[in-house]
Amino acid sequence: MKRFALLSVILVATCVVAMAQPRAIGGRFAWGIGPSYQHGFGEKNMLQADLDLLGYGWWGIQGTVTYNWIFPISSWSHAGSWNWYAGVGAGAGYEWWGGGVYTWTYTGRPRTGWGGGFVGVAGMIGVEYNFNFPLQLSFDWRPVIGPGFSRYGGRVYFFDHGLYAGAIALAARYKF
């Protein structure tokens, strides 16, 4: 019973600390579109998690989590506040290039839909504007660097192209 009481106290304290931190939730619009979440750790740091649904002829999903350092821009202050931020984290994704039957040009044989994925280190650099009301707009670049893999005709091939998903994005978030 004492362990249950101790675990309950720790759980409640963790929830109270998490709820006391500034957070923002919204959408990020780039190569794909998807939800974005920021969790602040004081005035100088934040954790950002994004889940992008890729489109434009290639369908897929990509997830990244970055730990960012915040640098206020006091000379730009007007009605709200401006911040630079930069960080590092991890990212992974998979894309599907069609689902029909295609002719592979190297062999001339038909292949079914194929795709590829990646996993690696994510970097982020951007600028954000926080309005006096609970709205935040940001403009950032988030490349992912690491190995990838492709699936051709049921076989998996590993390759290392290096840079993936380096799209520039615009995000709008509700701060609470």
C-alpha atoms as a PDB file:
ATOM      1  CA  MET A   1       0.000   0.000   0.000  1.00  0.00           C
ATOM      2  CA  LYS A   2       2.900   2.353   0.779  1.00  0.00           C
ATOM      3  CA  ARG A   3       4.335   1.786  -2.721  1.00  0.00           C
ATOM      4  CA  PHE A   4       0.991   2.637  -4.313  1.00  0.00           C
ATOM      5  CA  ALA A   5       0.757   5.853  -2.256  1.00  0.00           C
ATOM      6  CA  LEU A   6       4.340   6.823  -3.163  1.00  0.00           C
ATOM      7  CA  LEU A   7       3.716   6.071  -6.859  1.00  0.00           C
ATOM      8  CA  SER A   8       0.513   8.139  -6.763  1.00  0.00           C
ATOM      9  CA  VAL A   9       2.312  11.120  -5.216  1.00  0.00           C
ATOM     10  CA  ILE A  10       5.094  10.921  -7.830  1.00  0.00           C
ATOM     11  CA  LEU A  11       2.545  10.676 -10.659  1.00  0.00           C
ATOM     12  CA  VAL A  12       0.535  13.672  -9.408  1.00  0.00           C
ATOM     13  CA  ALA A  13       3.717  15.758  -8.911  1.00  0.00           C
ATOM     14  CA  THR A  14       4.905  14.916 -12.428  1.00  0.00           C
ATOM     15  CA  CYS A  15       1.539  15.925 -13.892  1.00  0.00           C
ATOM     16  CA  VAL A  16       1.526  19.216 -11.967  1.00  0.00           C
ATOM     17  CA  VAL A  17       5.051  20.092 -13.154  1.00  0.00           C
ATOM     18  CA  ALA A  18       4.188  19.147 -16.757  1.00  0.00           C
ATOM     19  CA  MET A  19       0.996  21.228 -16.714  1.00  0.00           C
ATOM     20  CA  ALA A  20       2.851  24.249 -15.309  1.00  0.00           C
ATOM     21  CA  GLN A  21       5.181  24.394 -18.319  1.00  0.00           C
ATOM     22  CA  PRO A  22       4.266  26.460 -21.392  1.00  0.00           C
ATOM     23  CA  ARG A  23       2.995  24.408 -24.319  1.00  0.00           C
ATOM     24  CA  ALA A  24       1.832  25.033 -27.870  1.00  0.00           C
ATOM     25  CA  ILE A  25      -0.105  22.839 -30.285  1.00  0.00           C
ATOM     26  CA  GLY A  26      -0.939  23.462 -33.920  1.00  0.00           C
ATOM     27  CA  GLY A  27       0.005  22.590 -37.469  1.00  0.00           C
ATOM     28  CA  ARG A  28       3.184  22.636 -39.532  1.00  0.00           C
ATOM     29  CA  PHE A  29       2.942  23.167 -43.290  1.00  0.00           C
ATOM     30  CA  ALA A  30       5.843  22.183 -45.587  1.00  0.00           C
ATOM     31  CA  TRP A  31       6.448  19.253 -47.965  1.00  0.00           C
ATOM     32  CA  GLY A  32       3.640  17.655 -46.011  1.00  0.00           C
ATOM     33  CA  ILE A  33       1.180  18.788 -43.399  1.00  0.00           C
ATOM     34  CA  GLY A  34       0.732  17.614 -39.860  1.00  0.00           C
ATOM     35  CA  PRO A  35       0.345  18.342 -36.173  1.00  0.00           C
ATOM     36  CA  SER A  36       3.084  20.030 -34.186  1.00  0.00           C
ATOM     37  CA  TYR A  37       3.563  20.155 -30.410  1.00  0.00           C
ATOM     38  CA  GLN A  38       5.972  22.240 -28.334  1.00  0.00           C
ATOM     39  CA  HIS A  39       6.671  21.778 -24.641  1.00  0.00           C
ATOM     40  CA  GLY A  40       8.721  24.462 -22.917  1.00  0.00           C
ATOM     41  CA  PHE A  41      11.333  23.880 -20.236  1.00  0.00           C
ATOM     42  CA  GLY A  42      11.670  27.348 -18.786  1.00  0.00           C
ATOM     43  CA  GLU A  43      12.494  30.412 -20.893  1.00  0.00           C
ATOM     44  CA  LYS A  44      15.481  28.989 -22.793  1.00  0.00           C
ATOM     45  CA  ASN A  45      14.585  25.433 -23.941  1.00  0.00           C
ATOM     46  CA  MET A  46      11.749  23.526 -25.600  1.00  0.00           C
ATOM     47  CA  LEU A  47      10.956  20.088 -26.961  1.00  0.00           C
ATOM     48  CA  GLN A  48       9.183  19.978 -30.326  1.00  0.00           C
ATOM     49  CA  ALA A  49       7.442  16.895 -31.764  1.00  0.00           C
ATOM     50  CA  ASP A  50       6.079  16.861 -35.322  1.00  0.00           C
ATOM     51  CA  LEU A  51       4.205  14.214 -37.289  1.00  0.00           C
ATOM     52  CA  ASP A  52       4.062  15.039 -40.997  1.00  0.00           C
ATOM     53  CA  LEU A  53       1.755  13.404 -43.518  1.00  0.00           C
ATOM     54  CA  LEU A  54       3.632  13.629 -46.804  1.00  0.00           C
ATOM     55  CA  GLY A  55       1.931  14.270 -50.126  1.00  0.00           C
ATOM     56  CA  TYR A  56       2.570  15.746 -53.587  1.00  0.00           C
ATOM     57  CA  GLY A  57       2.499  12.440 -55.477  1.00  0.00           C
ATOM     58  CA  TRP A  58       4.434  10.511 -52.823  1.00  0.00           C
ATOM     59  CA  TRP A  59       2.459   9.378 -49.815  1.00  0.00           C
ATOM     60  CA  GLY A  60       4.061   8.758 -46.488  1.00  0.00           C
ATOM     61  CA  ILE A  61       4.579   9.654 -42.878  1.00  0.00           C
ATOM     62  CA  GLN A  62       7.459  11.273 -41.034  1.00  0.00           C
ATOM     63  CA  GLY A  63       8.003  11.906 -37.343  1.00  0.00           C
ATOM     64  CA  THR A  64      10.641  14.041 -35.642  1.00  0.00           C
ATOM     65  CA  VAL A  65      11.447  15.122 -32.110  1.00  0.00           C
ATOM     66  CA  THR A  66      13.945  17.921 -31.473  1.00  0.00           C
ATOM     67  CA  TYR A  67      15.295  19.576 -28.342  1.00  0.00           C
ATOM     68  CA  ASN A  68      15.673  23.294 -29.102  1.00  0.00           C
ATOM     69  CA  TRP A  69      17.491  26.184 -27.467  1.00  0.00           C
ATOM     70  CA  ILE A  70      15.681  29.542 -27.574  1.00  0.00           C
ATOM     71  CA  PHE A  71      17.469  32.867 -28.194  1.00  0.00           C
ATOM     72  CA  PRO A  72      15.265  35.968 -27.687  1.00  0.00           C
ATOM     73  CA  ILE A  73      15.540  38.801 -30.219  1.00  0.00           C
ATOM     74  CA  SER A  74      14.974  41.863 -28.061  1.00  0.00           C
ATOM     75  CA  SER A  75      15.710  44.379 -30.838  1.00  0.00           C
ATOM     76  CA  TRP A  76      12.703  43.129 -32.885  1.00  0.00           C
ATOM     77  CA  SER A  77      10.139  43.419 -30.073  1.00  0.00           C
ATOM     78  CA  HIS A  78       6.922  45.199 -30.939  1.00  0.00           C
ATOM     79  CA  ALA A  79       3.513  44.030 -29.760  1.00  0.00           C
ATOM     80  CA  GLY A  80       4.734  40.442 -29.249  1.00  0.00           C
ATOM     81  CA  SER A  81       8.076  38.682 -28.889  1.00  0.00           C
ATOM     82  CA  TRP A  82      10.526  37.265 -31.446  1.00  0.00           C
ATOM     83  CA  ASN A  83      12.802  34.277 -30.815  1.00  0.00           C
ATOM     84  CA  TRP A  84      15.448  32.390 -32.755  1.00  0.00           C
ATOM     85  CA  TYR A  85      15.676  28.697 -31.953  1.00  0.00           C
ATOM     86  CA  ALA A  86      17.991  25.867 -32.941  1.00  0.00           C
ATOM     87  CA  GLY A  87      18.162  22.258 -31.878  1.00  0.00           C
ATOM     88  CA  VAL A  88      18.918  18.631 -32.534  1.00  0.00           C
ATOM     89  CA  GLY A  89      16.920  15.420 -32.252  1.00  0.00           C
ATOM     90  CA  ALA A  90      15.844  12.320 -34.166  1.00  0.00           C
ATOM     91  CA  GLY A  91      13.614  11.669 -37.153  1.00  0.00           C
ATOM     92  CA  ALA A  92      12.251   8.747 -39.166  1.00  0.00           C
ATOM     93  CA  GLY A  93       9.839   8.290 -42.018  1.00  0.00           C
ATOM     94  CA  TYR A  94       8.554   6.132 -44.855  1.00  0.00           C
ATOM     95  CA  GLU A  95       7.189   7.094 -48.267  1.00  0.00           C
ATOM     96  CA  TRP A  96       5.176   5.090 -50.773  1.00  0.00           C
ATOM     97  CA  TRP A  97       5.706   5.883 -54.452  1.00  0.00           C
ATOM     98  CA  GLY A  98       2.535   4.600 -56.032  1.00  0.00           C
ATOM     99  CA  GLY A  99       0.604   1.404 -55.528  1.00  0.00           C
ATOM    100  CA  GLY A 100       0.068   0.234 -59.089  1.00  0.00           C
ATOM    101  CA  VAL A 101       2.226  -1.780 -61.472  1.00  0.00           C
ATOM    102  CA  TYR A 102       5.229   0.050 -62.936  1.00  0.00           C
ATOM    103  CA  THR A 103       7.862  -1.003 -65.454  1.00  0.00           C
ATOM    104  CA  TRP A 104      11.312  -0.765 -64.003  1.00  0.00           C
ATOM    105  CA  THR A 105      13.496   0.832 -66.692  1.00  0.00           C
ATOM    106  CA  TYR A 106      16.655  -1.137 -65.874  1.00  0.00           C
ATOM    107  CA  THR A 107      15.124  -4.585 -66.353  1.00  0.00           C
ATOM    108  CA  GLY A 108      11.913  -3.897 -68.258  1.00  0.00           C
ATOM    109  CA  ARG A 109      10.056  -6.157 -65.808  1.00  0.00           C
ATOM    110  CA  PRO A 110       6.864  -4.963 -64.096  1.00  0.00           C
ATOM    111  CA  ARG A 111       7.106  -4.070 -60.417  1.00  0.00           C
ATOM    112  CA  THR A 112       4.399  -3.298 -57.914  1.00  0.00           C
ATOM    113  CA  GLY A 113       4.383  -0.120 -55.813  1.00  0.00           C
ATOM    114  CA  TRP A 114       7.613   0.629 -54.045  1.00  0.00           C
ATOM    115  CA  GLY A 115       8.810   2.963 -51.352  1.00  0.00           C
ATOM    116  CA  GLY A 116      11.611   3.992 -49.116  1.00  0.00           C
ATOM    117  CA  GLY A 117      12.334   5.187 -45.658  1.00  0.00           C
ATOM    118  CA  PHE A 118      14.933   6.918 -43.579  1.00  0.00           C
ATOM    119  CA  VAL A 119      16.059   7.301 -40.010  1.00  0.00           C
ATOM    120  CA  GLY A 120      18.580   9.743 -38.647  1.00  0.00           C
ATOM    121  CA  VAL A 121      19.595  12.806 -36.724  1.00  0.00           C
ATOM    122  CA  ALA A 122      17.296  15.812 -37.131  1.00  0.00           C
ATOM    123  CA  GLY A 123      18.453  19.376 -36.886  1.00  0.00           C
ATOM    124  CA  MET A 124      16.253  22.460 -36.627  1.00  0.00           C
ATOM    125  CA  ILE A 125      16.761  26.176 -37.016  1.00  0.00           C
ATOM    126  CA  GLY A 126      14.008  28.775 -37.119  1.00  0.00           C
ATOM    127  CA  VAL A 127      12.417  31.987 -35.971  1.00  0.00           C
ATOM    128  CA  GLU A 128       9.107  32.386 -34.138  1.00  0.00           C
ATOM    129  CA  TYR A 129       6.789  35.244 -33.289  1.00  0.00           C
ATOM    130  CA  ASN A 130       4.607  35.073 -30.172  1.00  0.00           C
ATOM    131  CA  PHE A 131       1.624  37.410 -30.240  1.00  0.00           C
ATOM    132  CA  ASN A 132       0.237  39.017 -27.065  1.00  0.00           C
ATOM    133  CA  PHE A 133      -2.737  36.662 -27.406  1.00  0.00           C
ATOM    134  CA  PRO A 134      -2.167  32.854 -27.442  1.00  0.00           C
ATOM    135  CA  LEU A 135      -0.952  32.490 -31.048  1.00  0.00           C
ATOM    136  CA  GLN A 136       2.516  31.623 -32.291  1.00  0.00           C
ATOM    137  CA  LEU A 137       3.806  31.683 -35.882  1.00  0.00           C
ATOM    138  CA  SER A 138       7.140  30.123 -36.839  1.00  0.00           C
ATOM    139  CA  PHE A 139       9.268  29.669 -39.934  1.00  0.00           C
ATOM    140  CA  ASP A 140      11.926  26.937 -39.788  1.00  0.00           C
ATOM    141  CA  TRP A 141      14.128  24.432 -41.610  1.00  0.00           C
ATOM    142  CA  ARG A 142      14.447  20.870 -40.299  1.00  0.00           C
ATOM    143  CA  PRO A 143      16.755  18.490 -42.209  1.00  0.00           C
ATOM    144  CA  VAL A 144      17.207  14.839 -41.282  1.00  0.00           C
ATOM    145  CA  ILE A 145      20.632  13.273 -41.932  1.00  0.00           C
ATOM    146  CA  GLY A 146      21.162   9.514 -41.878  1.00  0.00           C
ATOM    147  CA  PRO A 147      20.826   6.207 -43.716  1.00  0.00           C
ATOM    148  CA  GLY A 148      17.805   5.199 -45.741  1.00  0.00           C
ATOM    149  CA  PHE A 149      16.330   2.090 -47.271  1.00  0.00           C
ATOM    150  CA  SER A 150      14.204   1.261 -50.319  1.00  0.00           C
ATOM    151  CA  ARG A 151      11.910  -1.611 -51.218  1.00  0.00           C
ATOM    152  CA  TYR A 152      11.918  -2.822 -54.821  1.00  0.00           C
ATOM    153  CA  GLY A 153       9.851  -5.859 -55.773  1.00  0.00           C
ATOM    154  CA  GLY A 154       9.675  -7.260 -52.245  1.00  0.00           C
ATOM    155  CA  ARG A 155      13.414  -6.888 -51.484  1.00  0.00           C
ATOM    156  CA  VAL A 156      14.878  -4.292 -49.126  1.00  0.00           C
ATOM    157  CA  TYR A 157      17.968  -2.340 -50.205  1.00  0.00           C
ATOM    158  CA  PHE A 158      19.915  -0.108 -47.829  1.00  0.00           C
ATOM    159  CA  PHE A 159      21.638   3.025 -49.056  1.00  0.00           C
ATOM    160  CA  ASP A 160      23.098   6.201 -47.661  1.00  0.00           C
ATOM    161  CA  HIS A 161      22.072   9.343 -49.517  1.00  0.00           C
ATOM    162  CA  GLY A 162      22.581  11.550 -46.503  1.00  0.00           C
ATOM    163  CA  LEU A 163      20.051  14.410 -46.392  1.00  0.00           C
ATOM    164  CA  TYR A 164      16.306  13.749 -46.146  1.00  0.00           C
ATOM    165  CA  ALA A 165      13.221  15.884 -45.640  1.00  0.00           C
ATOM    166  CA  GLY A 166      14.991  19.225 -45.532  1.00  0.00           C
ATOM    167  CA  ALA A 167      11.854  21.256 -46.222  1.00  0.00           C
ATOM    168  CA  ILE A 168      11.277  24.813 -45.057  1.00  0.00           C
ATOM    169  CA  ALA A 169       8.038  25.061 -43.083  1.00  0.00           C
ATOM    170  CA  LEU A 170       5.538  27.527 -41.722  1.00  0.00           C
ATOM    171  CA  ALA A 171       3.780  26.642 -38.471  1.00  0.00           C
ATOM    172  CA  ALA A 172       0.862  28.134 -36.546  1.00  0.00           C
ATOM    173  CA  ARG A 173       0.301  27.045 -32.943  1.00  0.00           C
ATOM    174  CA  TYR A 174      -2.048  27.843 -30.081  1.00  0.00           C
ATOM    175  CA  LYS A 175      -0.086  28.562 -26.887  1.00  0.00           C
ATOM    176  CA  PHE A 176      -1.468  27.501 -23.543  1.00  0.00           C
END
